[in-house]
Protein backbone atom coordinates (compact mmCIF):
# COMPACT_ATOMS: atom_id res chain seq x y z
CA MET A 1 -56.77 51.39 -25.97
CA SER A 2 -54.11 49.77 -27.97
CA SER A 3 -52.15 46.67 -27.66
CA THR A 4 -48.88 45.24 -28.58
CA ILE A 5 -48.35 41.18 -29.03
CA GLU A 6 -44.22 41.26 -28.89
CA GLU A 7 -42.59 38.53 -31.88
CA PRO A 8 -41.79 35.01 -30.09
CA ALA A 9 -37.79 34.78 -29.82
CA THR A 10 -36.18 32.74 -33.25
CA HIS A 11 -33.88 31.10 -30.85
CA PRO A 12 -32.92 30.27 -27.52
CA ALA A 13 -30.69 32.75 -25.67
CA PRO A 14 -28.51 30.82 -22.97
CA HIS A 15 -26.47 32.62 -20.09
CA HIS A 16 -22.55 32.41 -21.95
CA THR A 17 -21.51 30.04 -19.01
CA HIS A 18 -24.05 27.65 -20.11
CA THR A 19 -21.49 27.80 -23.35
CA VAL A 20 -18.49 24.58 -22.88
CA SER A 21 -15.04 25.91 -23.97
CA ASN A 22 -11.87 25.09 -22.56
CA GLN A 23 -12.52 21.56 -22.34
CA PRO A 24 -10.64 19.17 -23.97
CA ASP A 25 -12.11 17.08 -26.34
CA PRO A 26 -12.44 13.22 -25.68
CA ARG A 27 -8.92 11.30 -26.16
CA THR A 28 -10.22 8.32 -28.16
CA ASP A 29 -9.90 7.49 -32.20
CA ILE A 30 -6.49 7.74 -31.51
CA ASN A 31 -3.60 4.38 -32.33
CA GLU A 32 -2.17 3.41 -29.22
CA PHE A 33 0.92 1.99 -30.48
CA LEU A 34 1.79 4.59 -33.57
CA THR A 35 2.04 7.38 -30.88
CA ASP A 36 3.91 6.02 -28.25
CA THR A 37 7.13 5.78 -30.03
CA ALA A 38 9.24 4.02 -26.82
CA LEU A 39 7.10 1.51 -27.42
CA VAL A 40 7.17 1.31 -31.16
CA GLU A 41 11.19 1.62 -30.54
CA GLY A 42 11.31 -0.83 -28.26
CA VAL A 43 9.65 -3.42 -31.04
CA ARG A 44 12.10 -2.35 -33.21
CA ARG A 45 15.42 -2.64 -31.18
CA HIS A 46 14.12 -6.11 -29.55
CA ASP A 47 13.74 -7.76 -32.91
CA ALA A 48 9.82 -7.63 -32.99
CA SER A 49 9.71 -5.31 -36.19
CA TRP A 50 7.87 -8.35 -38.00
CA ALA A 51 4.48 -7.73 -35.55
CA THR A 52 4.62 -3.82 -36.40
CA ASP A 53 1.15 -4.38 -38.79
CA GLU A 54 -0.66 -6.71 -36.35
CA LEU A 55 0.12 -4.55 -33.13
CA THR A 56 -0.72 -1.22 -35.30
CA ASP A 57 -4.02 -2.87 -35.60
CA VAL A 58 -3.95 -3.37 -31.88
CA GLY A 59 -3.13 -0.17 -31.42
CA ALA A 60 -5.73 1.45 -33.52
CA LEU A 61 -8.54 -0.87 -31.88
CA VAL A 62 -8.10 -0.25 -28.15
CA GLY A 63 -7.75 3.63 -28.72
CA SER A 64 -11.04 3.72 -30.26
CA ASN A 65 -14.03 5.13 -28.98
CA ASP A 66 -15.75 1.76 -28.95
CA PHE A 67 -13.15 0.11 -26.69
CA GLN A 68 -12.50 2.85 -24.39
CA HIS A 69 -16.92 2.75 -23.83
CA ASP A 70 -16.31 -1.23 -23.69
CA ALA A 71 -13.54 -0.30 -20.65
CA GLU A 72 -15.83 2.04 -18.80
CA LEU A 73 -18.81 -0.31 -19.08
CA ALA A 74 -16.88 -3.30 -17.18
CA ASN A 75 -15.64 -1.38 -15.23
CA SER A 76 -18.72 0.22 -14.30
CA ILE A 77 -20.96 -2.94 -14.39
CA ILE A 78 -19.03 -5.06 -12.21
CA PRO A 79 -19.17 -8.42 -11.93
CA GLU A 80 -22.17 -10.37 -10.12
CA PHE A 81 -21.58 -13.55 -8.29
CA ARG A 82 -24.59 -15.60 -9.40
CA PRO A 83 -24.60 -19.31 -6.85
CA PHE A 84 -27.78 -20.59 -7.61
CA ASP A 85 -29.73 -21.25 -10.72
CA ARG A 86 -33.49 -20.36 -10.46
CA TRP A 87 -33.80 -23.81 -9.81
CA GLY A 88 -31.89 -23.90 -6.68
CA ASN A 89 -29.11 -25.61 -8.34
CA ARG A 90 -25.39 -24.84 -6.87
CA VAL A 91 -23.75 -23.34 -9.86
CA ASP A 92 -21.04 -20.55 -9.01
CA GLU A 93 -21.00 -18.61 -11.83
CA VAL A 94 -20.33 -14.93 -12.08
CA GLU A 95 -21.92 -12.63 -14.43
CA TYR A 96 -20.00 -10.11 -16.38
CA HIS A 97 -21.17 -7.63 -18.54
CA PRO A 98 -20.98 -7.90 -21.71
CA ALA A 99 -18.55 -5.49 -23.00
CA TYR A 100 -16.05 -7.35 -20.50
CA HIS A 101 -16.57 -10.19 -22.47
CA ARG A 102 -15.89 -8.28 -26.15
CA ILE A 103 -12.52 -7.04 -24.43
CA ILE A 104 -11.41 -10.21 -24.01
CA SER A 105 -12.22 -11.53 -26.87
CA ALA A 106 -10.15 -9.11 -28.81
CA ALA A 107 -7.23 -9.29 -26.58
CA VAL A 108 -7.20 -13.40 -27.28
CA ALA A 109 -7.58 -13.15 -31.17
CA HIS A 110 -4.59 -10.20 -31.21
CA GLY A 111 -2.61 -13.36 -29.16
CA ALA A 112 -1.78 -10.94 -25.61
CA HIS A 113 -2.17 -14.38 -23.46
CA THR A 114 -0.46 -17.05 -25.46
CA SER A 115 1.71 -15.99 -28.87
CA ALA A 116 4.98 -16.12 -27.62
CA TRP A 117 3.79 -19.93 -27.41
CA ALA A 118 2.43 -20.53 -30.39
CA ASP A 119 4.91 -19.40 -32.09
CA PRO A 120 8.67 -19.22 -30.55
CA LYS A 121 11.19 -16.99 -32.36
CA PRO A 122 13.65 -13.93 -31.64
CA GLY A 123 11.79 -10.89 -30.60
CA ALA A 124 8.12 -12.96 -29.87
CA ASP A 125 7.82 -12.51 -26.44
CA VAL A 126 8.49 -8.45 -27.28
CA ALA A 127 5.39 -9.05 -29.42
CA ARG A 128 3.09 -10.20 -26.94
CA ALA A 129 4.64 -8.11 -24.11
CA ALA A 130 3.46 -4.60 -26.87
CA THR A 131 0.28 -6.44 -27.71
CA PHE A 132 -0.77 -7.39 -23.92
CA MET A 133 0.47 -3.41 -22.95
CA LEU A 134 -1.74 -2.27 -25.43
CA PHE A 135 -4.69 -3.65 -23.98
CA SER A 136 -3.50 -3.31 -20.15
CA GLN A 137 -3.39 0.35 -21.41
CA VAL A 138 -6.73 0.78 -21.64
CA GLU A 139 -8.81 -2.10 -20.05
CA PRO A 140 -6.60 -3.67 -17.01
CA GLY A 141 -8.97 -5.90 -15.30
CA HIS A 142 -9.33 -8.49 -18.41
CA ALA A 143 -5.27 -8.78 -18.40
CA CYS A 144 -5.77 -10.74 -15.18
CA PRO A 145 -6.40 -14.32 -16.94
CA ILE A 146 -4.65 -13.24 -19.83
CA SER A 147 -1.84 -13.47 -18.53
CA MET A 148 -2.41 -16.53 -16.15
CA THR A 149 -3.15 -18.35 -19.33
CA HIS A 150 0.65 -17.24 -20.85
CA ALA A 151 2.22 -18.04 -17.69
CA VAL A 152 0.31 -21.35 -17.06
CA ILE A 153 2.46 -22.73 -19.66
CA PRO A 154 5.73 -23.73 -18.51
CA SER A 155 4.06 -25.16 -15.54
CA LEU A 156 2.05 -27.59 -17.72
CA GLU A 157 5.32 -28.62 -19.83
CA LEU A 158 6.30 -30.07 -16.55
CA GLN A 159 4.24 -32.75 -16.84
CA PRO A 160 3.73 -33.75 -20.49
CA ASP A 161 0.75 -35.82 -20.05
CA VAL A 162 -1.17 -32.79 -18.77
CA ALA A 163 0.00 -30.44 -21.15
CA ALA A 164 -1.14 -32.39 -24.37
CA ARG A 165 -4.78 -32.13 -22.89
CA TRP A 166 -4.16 -28.11 -21.92
CA VAL A 167 -1.77 -26.75 -23.89
CA PRO A 168 -3.27 -26.99 -27.23
CA ARG A 169 -6.42 -25.14 -25.71
CA ALA A 170 -4.53 -22.43 -23.97
CA LEU A 171 -2.63 -21.41 -27.44
CA SER A 172 -6.39 -20.90 -29.14
CA ARG A 173 -7.27 -17.48 -30.33
CA SER A 174 -10.85 -18.28 -29.71
CA TYR A 175 -12.83 -17.12 -26.58
CA SER A 176 -16.09 -18.45 -25.33
CA GLY A 177 -17.64 -16.74 -22.30
CA THR A 178 -18.61 -19.85 -20.83
CA LEU A 179 -17.23 -22.74 -18.87
CA ASP A 180 -15.29 -25.45 -20.06
CA VAL A 181 -17.86 -27.80 -21.90
CA PRO A 182 -17.11 -31.36 -23.48
CA GLY A 183 -15.37 -30.46 -26.83
CA LYS A 184 -14.24 -26.88 -25.86
CA GLY A 185 -11.22 -26.05 -28.02
CA SER A 186 -10.20 -23.20 -26.13
CA ALA A 187 -8.94 -22.28 -21.99
CA LEU A 188 -8.34 -19.57 -20.16
CA PHE A 189 -6.23 -19.84 -16.96
CA GLY A 190 -6.13 -18.96 -13.33
CA MET A 191 -3.85 -20.01 -9.95
CA SER A 192 -5.12 -19.45 -6.41
CA MET A 193 -2.49 -20.25 -3.79
CA THR A 194 -2.82 -18.02 -0.82
CA GLU A 195 -5.19 -19.07 2.14
CA LYS A 196 -6.55 -16.73 4.79
CA GLN A 197 -3.96 -18.06 7.10
CA GLY A 198 -0.88 -17.66 5.91
CA GLY A 199 -1.34 -15.33 2.31
CA SER A 200 2.27 -15.37 0.82
CA ASP A 201 4.08 -17.60 3.83
CA VAL A 202 2.21 -20.71 1.13
CA ARG A 203 3.95 -23.16 2.86
CA ALA A 204 1.58 -23.00 5.85
CA ASN A 205 -1.72 -23.79 3.01
CA THR A 206 -3.52 -26.23 5.06
CA THR A 207 -6.12 -27.34 1.80
CA ILE A 208 -5.64 -31.28 1.71
CA ALA A 209 -4.82 -33.24 -1.53
CA VAL A 210 -5.82 -36.92 -1.10
CA PRO A 211 -5.22 -39.27 -3.76
CA ALA A 212 -7.92 -40.61 -5.54
CA GLY A 213 -6.28 -44.11 -6.66
CA ARG A 214 -2.47 -44.24 -7.11
CA GLY A 215 -1.47 -41.02 -6.40
CA GLY A 216 1.74 -38.99 -7.54
CA PRO A 217 2.36 -36.71 -10.90
CA GLY A 218 -0.18 -37.07 -13.54
CA ALA A 219 -3.02 -38.87 -11.18
CA ASP A 220 -5.85 -37.66 -9.76
CA TYR A 221 -6.49 -36.38 -6.28
CA LEU A 222 -9.50 -35.21 -4.46
CA LEU A 223 -8.73 -31.50 -2.95
CA THR A 224 -10.27 -29.94 0.20
CA GLY A 225 -9.47 -26.46 1.99
CA HIS A 226 -9.99 -23.00 1.54
CA LYS A 227 -8.33 -20.44 -0.80
CA TRP A 228 -8.05 -16.99 0.33
CA PHE A 229 -7.82 -15.16 -3.66
CA CYS A 230 -8.83 -17.03 -6.21
CA SER A 231 -9.09 -14.37 -8.97
CA ALA A 232 -10.95 -15.12 -12.63
CA PRO A 233 -13.00 -17.54 -11.22
CA MET A 234 -15.15 -18.87 -14.95
CA SER A 235 -11.72 -19.58 -15.85
CA ASP A 236 -11.16 -22.94 -17.42
CA ALA A 237 -8.94 -24.61 -14.92
CA PHE A 238 -6.35 -23.09 -12.33
CA LEU A 239 -3.03 -23.91 -10.91
CA VAL A 240 -3.35 -24.53 -6.91
CA LEU A 241 -1.58 -25.60 -4.29
CA ALA A 242 -2.25 -28.34 -1.50
CA GLN A 243 -0.50 -30.37 0.65
CA ALA A 244 -0.47 -33.91 -0.42
CA GLU A 245 -0.96 -37.09 1.19
CA GLY A 246 -0.38 -40.66 0.26
CA THR A 247 2.09 -43.51 -0.49
CA ALA A 248 3.21 -42.03 -3.68
CA GLY A 249 4.73 -38.70 -2.20
CA SER A 250 3.61 -35.51 0.40
CA GLY A 251 3.72 -32.26 0.87
CA LEU A 252 3.09 -29.46 -0.32
CA SER A 253 2.28 -29.88 -4.28
CA CYS A 254 1.12 -28.33 -7.35
CA PHE A 255 -2.38 -29.63 -9.07
CA LEU A 256 -4.29 -28.28 -11.91
CA LEU A 257 -7.98 -27.95 -11.05
CA PRO A 258 -10.42 -27.61 -14.23
CA ARG A 259 -13.95 -26.53 -13.32
CA ILE A 260 -15.65 -28.54 -15.49
CA LEU A 261 -14.73 -32.68 -15.36
CA PRO A 262 -14.32 -34.04 -18.80
CA ASP A 263 -17.57 -35.89 -18.27
CA GLY A 264 -19.55 -32.65 -17.99
CA GLU A 265 -20.01 -32.60 -14.65
CA ARG A 266 -19.02 -29.47 -12.46
CA ASN A 267 -16.02 -29.84 -10.34
CA THR A 268 -17.19 -28.90 -6.98
CA PHE A 269 -15.76 -25.34 -6.71
CA ARG A 270 -17.57 -23.34 -4.43
CA ILE A 271 -17.40 -19.28 -4.44
CA GLN A 272 -17.53 -18.43 -0.99
CA ARG A 273 -17.69 -14.34 -2.28
CA LEU A 274 -16.04 -12.01 -4.54
CA LYS A 275 -13.65 -9.59 -3.02
CA ASN A 276 -14.46 -5.93 -2.93
CA LYS A 277 -11.31 -4.70 -3.93
CA LEU A 278 -9.59 -1.07 -3.71
CA GLY A 279 -9.58 -1.24 -7.94
CA ASN A 280 -9.10 -4.01 -10.49
CA LYS A 281 -13.35 -4.02 -10.80
CA SER A 282 -14.02 -5.92 -14.04
CA ASN A 283 -12.16 -8.61 -12.87
CA ALA A 284 -13.89 -10.65 -10.11
CA SER A 285 -11.45 -11.97 -7.37
CA SER A 286 -13.24 -14.33 -5.30
CA GLU A 287 -12.87 -16.80 -2.31
CA ILE A 288 -13.45 -20.15 -3.40
CA GLU A 289 -14.30 -23.94 -1.16
CA LEU A 290 -12.85 -26.71 -2.63
CA ASP A 291 -14.86 -30.12 -0.83
CA GLY A 292 -13.83 -33.43 -2.47
CA SER A 293 -12.28 -31.32 -5.62
CA VAL A 294 -10.92 -33.44 -8.23
CA ALA A 295 -7.52 -32.50 -9.48
CA VAL A 296 -4.11 -33.89 -11.11
CA MET A 297 -0.86 -33.26 -9.84
CA ILE A 298 1.50 -31.16 -11.50
CA GLY A 299 5.18 -32.13 -10.99
CA GLU A 300 6.74 -33.80 -8.43
CA PRO A 301 5.39 -34.40 -4.92
CA GLY A 302 6.22 -31.81 -2.29
CA ARG A 303 7.51 -30.08 -5.02
CA GLY A 304 4.56 -27.53 -5.73
CA VAL A 305 6.08 -24.37 -4.83
CA ARG A 306 9.32 -24.82 -7.25
CA THR A 307 6.34 -26.43 -9.98
CA ILE A 308 4.25 -23.25 -9.76
CA ILE A 309 7.49 -20.93 -9.53
CA GLU A 310 7.79 -20.76 -13.22
CA MET A 311 3.99 -19.44 -13.44
CA VAL A 312 4.45 -16.81 -10.97
CA SER A 313 7.52 -15.41 -12.44
CA GLN A 314 5.95 -15.04 -16.03
CA THR A 315 3.36 -13.41 -14.14
CA ARG A 316 5.84 -11.19 -12.27
CA LEU A 317 6.93 -9.64 -15.58
CA ASP A 318 3.16 -8.63 -16.57
CA CYS A 319 2.86 -7.01 -13.79
CA ILE A 320 5.82 -5.07 -14.61
CA LEU A 321 4.30 -5.05 -18.42
CA GLY A 322 0.88 -3.52 -16.41
CA SER A 323 2.60 -1.10 -14.78
CA ALA A 324 3.99 0.34 -17.56
CA ALA A 325 1.16 0.46 -19.95
CA GLY A 326 -0.44 2.60 -16.56
CA MET A 327 2.10 4.79 -16.48
CA ARG A 328 1.55 5.11 -20.56
CA GLN A 329 -2.01 5.80 -20.15
CA SER A 330 -1.29 8.23 -17.46
CA VAL A 331 1.23 10.20 -19.31
CA ALA A 332 -1.33 10.53 -22.68
CA GLU A 333 -4.38 11.08 -20.50
CA ALA A 334 -2.20 14.08 -18.57
CA LEU A 335 -0.54 15.65 -21.80
CA TRP A 336 -3.73 15.54 -23.75
CA HIS A 337 -5.77 17.57 -21.12
CA ALA A 338 -2.66 20.13 -21.09
CA ARG A 339 -1.79 20.47 -24.26
CA HIS A 340 -5.96 21.20 -24.73
CA ARG A 341 -6.69 23.70 -21.74
CA ASN A 342 -5.78 27.14 -21.19
CA ALA A 343 -4.83 28.53 -17.77
CA PHE A 344 -3.92 31.91 -16.86
CA GLY A 345 -3.71 33.41 -20.02
CA THR A 346 -1.46 30.47 -22.26
CA VAL A 347 -1.57 26.66 -22.79
CA LEU A 348 -1.18 24.75 -19.49
CA ALA A 349 1.42 21.92 -21.57
CA ASP A 350 3.41 25.76 -22.43
CA GLN A 351 3.94 26.92 -18.60
CA PRO A 352 6.72 25.85 -17.08
CA ALA A 353 5.73 24.31 -13.76
CA MET A 354 3.77 21.57 -15.56
CA LYS A 355 6.22 21.55 -18.30
CA SER A 356 8.69 19.82 -15.68
CA VAL A 357 5.33 17.72 -14.57
CA LEU A 358 4.86 16.62 -17.69
CA ALA A 359 8.30 16.00 -18.62
CA ASP A 360 8.87 13.84 -15.71
CA LEU A 361 6.42 11.83 -16.11
CA ALA A 362 7.08 10.43 -19.18
CA LEU A 363 10.49 10.40 -18.55
CA GLU A 364 9.45 7.86 -15.54
CA SER A 365 6.94 6.00 -17.89
CA GLU A 366 9.87 5.37 -21.10
CA ALA A 367 12.35 3.89 -18.77
CA ALA A 368 9.64 1.42 -17.09
CA THR A 369 8.84 0.67 -20.78
CA ILE A 370 12.24 0.12 -21.87
CA THR A 371 13.23 -1.77 -19.59
CA ALA A 372 9.80 -3.78 -19.36
CA LEU A 373 11.18 -5.31 -23.16
CA ARG A 374 14.31 -5.64 -22.02
CA LEU A 375 13.24 -8.14 -19.95
CA ALA A 376 10.10 -9.65 -22.01
CA ARG A 377 13.79 -10.13 -24.96
CA ALA A 378 15.39 -11.83 -21.96
CA GLN A 379 12.12 -14.71 -21.94
CA ASP A 380 12.80 -15.46 -25.52
CA ILE A 381 13.30 -18.78 -26.78
CA ASP A 382 16.79 -17.87 -28.36
CA ALA A 383 17.58 -17.14 -24.28
CA ASP A 384 21.54 -18.23 -23.91
CA ASP A 385 22.25 -18.82 -20.17
CA HIS A 386 23.89 -15.57 -19.50
CA GLU A 387 20.05 -14.11 -20.63
CA LYS A 388 18.47 -16.07 -17.96
CA SER A 389 20.31 -15.49 -15.11
CA PHE A 390 19.91 -11.70 -15.84
CA ARG A 391 16.05 -11.79 -16.16
CA ARG A 392 15.90 -14.41 -12.75
CA LEU A 393 17.51 -11.22 -10.84
CA ALA A 394 16.28 -8.44 -13.28
CA THR A 395 12.89 -9.43 -13.29
CA ALA A 396 12.54 -8.96 -9.77
CA VAL A 397 14.37 -6.16 -9.46
CA ALA A 398 12.54 -4.35 -12.13
CA LYS A 399 8.98 -5.69 -10.16
CA TYR A 400 9.84 -4.06 -6.74
CA TRP A 401 10.63 -0.11 -8.43
CA ILE A 402 8.18 -0.38 -11.44
CA CYS A 403 4.84 -1.67 -9.99
CA LYS A 404 5.85 0.41 -6.46
CA ARG A 405 6.52 3.84 -8.92
CA GLY A 406 2.97 3.10 -10.67
CA PRO A 407 0.30 4.58 -8.28
CA HIS A 408 2.36 7.91 -7.59
CA HIS A 409 3.33 8.25 -11.06
CA ALA A 410 -1.17 7.83 -11.56
CA TYR A 411 -1.73 10.25 -8.83
CA GLU A 412 0.55 12.95 -10.22
CA ALA A 413 -0.89 12.38 -13.89
CA LEU A 414 -4.06 12.33 -12.60
CA GLU A 415 -3.41 15.53 -10.51
CA CYS A 416 -2.50 17.74 -14.01
CA LEU A 417 -6.05 17.24 -14.88
CA GLY A 418 -7.28 19.00 -11.44
CA GLY A 419 -10.97 18.08 -10.31
CA ASN A 420 -11.71 16.55 -13.84
CA GLY A 421 -8.75 13.80 -13.01
CA TYR A 422 -10.76 13.10 -9.24
CA THR A 423 -14.14 12.17 -10.85
CA GLU A 424 -14.63 8.73 -12.40
CA ASP A 425 -16.05 10.48 -15.27
CA PHE A 426 -11.96 10.37 -16.65
CA PRO A 427 -10.08 7.47 -16.94
CA LEU A 428 -7.46 8.35 -14.36
CA ALA A 429 -9.29 7.73 -11.43
CA ARG A 430 -9.59 4.30 -12.04
CA ARG A 431 -5.94 3.82 -13.49
CA TYR A 432 -4.74 5.77 -9.80
CA ARG A 433 -7.05 2.93 -8.06
CA GLU A 434 -5.74 0.01 -10.24
CA GLN A 435 -1.76 0.87 -10.15
CA PRO A 436 -1.60 -0.92 -6.43
CA VAL A 437 -2.55 -4.25 -7.41
CA MET A 438 0.77 -4.47 -9.49
CA ALA A 439 2.91 -3.94 -6.55
CA ILE A 440 0.94 -6.21 -4.43
CA TRP A 441 0.28 -8.98 -7.13
CA GLU A 442 2.57 -12.03 -7.04
CA GLY A 443 4.94 -10.53 -4.26
CA SER A 444 4.74 -7.68 -2.58
CA GLY A 445 7.70 -5.17 -2.04
CA ASN A 446 8.75 -7.50 1.36
CA VAL A 447 8.94 -10.72 -0.60
CA ILE A 448 10.58 -8.88 -3.98
CA ALA A 449 13.11 -7.35 -2.16
CA LEU A 450 13.62 -11.63 -0.32
CA ASP A 451 13.32 -12.40 -3.48
CA VAL A 452 16.53 -10.42 -4.70
CA LEU A 453 18.55 -11.74 -1.36
CA ARG A 454 17.55 -15.16 -2.34
CA ALA A 455 18.70 -14.81 -5.80
CA MET A 456 21.50 -13.13 -5.18
CA THR A 457 23.08 -16.12 -2.75
CA ARG A 458 21.54 -19.12 -4.74
CA GLU A 459 22.54 -17.99 -8.07
CA PRO A 460 25.85 -15.73 -8.28
CA ASP A 461 25.77 -16.14 -11.71
CA SER A 462 22.27 -13.77 -11.67
CA VAL A 463 24.60 -10.91 -10.08
CA VAL A 464 27.75 -11.28 -12.86
CA ALA A 465 24.59 -10.58 -15.36
CA PHE A 466 23.05 -7.97 -13.90
CA ASP A 467 25.91 -6.84 -13.65
CA HIS A 468 27.56 -7.03 -16.90
CA GLU A 469 24.35 -5.54 -18.11
CA VAL A 470 23.87 -2.23 -16.45
CA ASN A 471 27.97 -1.46 -16.92
CA LEU A 472 27.33 -1.37 -20.38
CA ALA A 473 26.19 1.76 -20.39
CA ARG A 474 29.70 3.01 -18.47
CA GLY A 475 30.73 5.76 -19.52
CA GLY A 476 27.82 7.43 -20.97
CA ASN A 477 26.87 9.67 -17.78
CA THR A 478 29.28 10.68 -14.98
CA LEU A 479 26.55 10.67 -12.32
CA LEU A 480 25.46 7.12 -13.55
CA ASP A 481 29.57 6.02 -13.65
CA ARG A 482 28.97 6.71 -10.10
CA HIS A 483 25.79 4.96 -8.57
CA LEU A 484 27.08 1.80 -10.66
CA ASP A 485 30.49 2.16 -8.38
CA ARG A 486 27.82 2.43 -5.76
CA VAL A 487 25.73 -0.26 -6.51
CA ARG A 488 28.56 -2.90 -7.00
CA GLN A 489 29.56 -1.54 -3.25
CA GLN A 490 26.99 -1.94 -1.62
CA VAL A 491 26.15 -5.74 -3.31
CA LYS A 492 29.08 -6.34 -2.14
CA GLU A 493 28.57 -5.35 1.19
CA LEU A 494 24.52 -6.92 1.53
CA ALA A 495 26.49 -10.17 0.35
CA GLY A 496 28.26 -10.12 3.96
CA MET A 497 25.47 -9.47 6.15
CA ASP A 498 23.76 -11.43 8.32
CA LEU A 499 20.35 -12.28 7.27
CA VAL A 500 18.68 -10.02 9.85
CA ASP A 501 20.90 -6.75 8.65
CA ALA A 502 20.65 -7.98 4.90
CA GLN A 503 17.21 -8.04 5.02
CA LEU A 504 16.98 -4.34 6.66
CA ARG A 505 19.05 -3.12 4.11
CA ALA A 506 17.52 -5.02 1.24
CA ARG A 507 15.07 -2.24 0.10
CA THR A 508 17.70 0.23 -0.35
CA VAL A 509 19.83 -1.69 -2.67
CA VAL A 510 16.63 -3.36 -4.80
CA GLU A 511 15.92 -0.14 -5.23
CA ALA A 512 19.88 1.56 -6.38
CA MET A 513 19.47 -2.05 -8.44
CA ALA A 514 16.49 -1.30 -10.42
CA LEU A 515 17.46 3.07 -10.92
CA ALA A 516 20.92 1.60 -12.13
CA LEU A 517 19.04 -0.86 -14.94
CA GLN A 518 16.38 1.97 -15.59
CA ALA A 519 19.24 4.56 -16.36
CA SER A 520 21.64 2.29 -17.86
CA LEU A 521 19.34 1.09 -20.58
CA MET A 522 17.88 5.04 -20.77
CA VAL A 523 21.61 6.17 -21.41
CA ARG A 524 21.96 3.20 -24.25
CA HIS A 525 18.37 3.60 -26.24
CA ALA A 526 16.80 6.48 -25.52
CA PRO A 527 18.18 10.07 -26.94
CA THR A 528 20.84 12.58 -24.51
CA ALA A 529 17.76 15.11 -23.30
CA SER A 530 15.75 12.32 -21.71
CA SER A 531 18.68 9.92 -20.45
CA GLU A 532 20.42 13.29 -18.82
CA ALA A 533 16.68 14.13 -17.64
CA PHE A 534 16.33 11.18 -15.97
CA ILE A 535 19.55 10.77 -13.93
CA ALA A 536 19.50 14.17 -13.14
CA GLY A 537 16.18 13.71 -11.99
CA ARG A 538 16.63 10.60 -9.89
CA LEU A 539 20.16 9.72 -9.48
CA GLY A 540 21.69 13.93 -9.21
CA ARG A 541 22.57 15.69 -6.07
CA GLU A 542 19.46 18.44 -6.47
CA ARG A 543 17.26 15.43 -6.88
CA GLY A 544 13.65 16.31 -5.09
CA HIS A 545 10.85 13.86 -3.93
CA GLU A 546 8.42 14.80 -6.46
CA TYR A 547 7.84 14.72 -10.24
CA GLY A 548 8.27 18.10 -11.46
CA THR A 549 11.57 18.50 -9.71
CA LEU A 550 14.22 17.80 -12.73
CA PRO A 551 17.03 20.49 -13.08
CA ILE A 552 16.68 24.06 -15.16
CA GLY A 553 18.21 23.72 -18.51
CA THR A 554 16.10 20.54 -19.07
CA GLY A 555 15.20 19.55 -22.83
CA PHE A 556 11.78 20.02 -21.39
CA ASP A 557 10.13 19.89 -25.36
CA GLU A 558 12.21 17.61 -27.00
CA ILE A 559 11.15 15.12 -23.81
CA LEU A 560 7.90 16.49 -24.47
CA ALA A 561 7.76 15.60 -28.18
CA ARG A 562 8.22 11.82 -28.12
CA ALA A 563 5.65 11.75 -25.70
């Protein structure tokens, strides 16, 4: 009886469901600057064309596969607190994944922190803002110490003797992941204002500052207290608030606190724990204890808020930049997916309902970018009194609105990816968790709305400057003209209200002001199809509450082509 032996298969034959199809390729190795039309146009519009070559280099870097992988690593292998060394010595150090150091080193090398201070000229703040946005678009956690190092310069310059020692180091484009050591030529800065009993009410702070000698501006103090939020605790120095005591002056004052003292000894800076945050995972935020810690007074005794507010105003703009950068990432990822995915027989991005959502998201992103760069231009060295008045009010208005729009914008973009968007393998889950920090950091909604009221009352020139700016677009769109009339009336009514009613009305008025500013800038600087759709979708009679409710007849293809 014979038998047969089957010939072996020449190659595997997996079932067809094991073959990956209809999934977009990774969105990598794309120049994030050159593909961002609104950003490129804004840089050119606001006198920063001289920075185009470097911004192009940054765009290629942050769009590379290696940089995006570093962003994933820095946020998945998160910072770890090491209170002691192996011999039991208290060191209070935070260990980061090397990817984090590579990212922040690149940001410093390209001047995302202090390039506008190092070489002040027309457009310098715009170029720095664009650089900051490009890095933040892909990895936002490192942006905290980058932002604070930029923002600390005006506060330091209020104390010239201290500024002479520290500002040159802040302007350096070198980065070392180690703590300050004698002879180190660079420095990153942090800030710590809030305490557990006060939060935004910093005047409730209980940290005590006792003079180590004569006391007063530029003198050493010993600080004792607990700070509830201290972000980026491995920075080289921090601005902190404390209640000054002594004959040289008392009250809530501002101090510069170094991690390492001039003789190389570690300052007392006890990290209690790292905050377990919703997002912003690559950036270590902490609680710290100060116990006779050495710090030098910056500015006048009892004027701490006025001194540190110089830093706060700069970081508020960076919150706007960070939110706008996040919107750009959200739009880019959603569009990439929709243009490379088929559903129900056609490309997802070509389906009318999806077109409306994507276009609406793109409009929100463009309006945020245009507004952010306009505010950055108002920060430049050539800003006159009118520009300074404008930025005082407009920064607070935009910070309130753009940062609050960020989380919902990220969610809607995430939904465009369907189930993929809800997984941590894709960047929009991380972005969704990241966006709320911009609305909370440096003043949450009520704090900012009340700051707008304060500016209107104490600095009436800011209202005049804001009104002038938004009305530059008058006559360009009928809906906007009517809205501008309403805003003028609302601002006038707000000024006549008592304090209680004014606070109850503040959010409504600030929202209306923000939309007036964004719509005005869109009319002046965006294509007609984009500006008309933006205004109809936000000010029109049939506007919806969600993204994707733009009116029939919107120029969807033109809007999406820009994105």
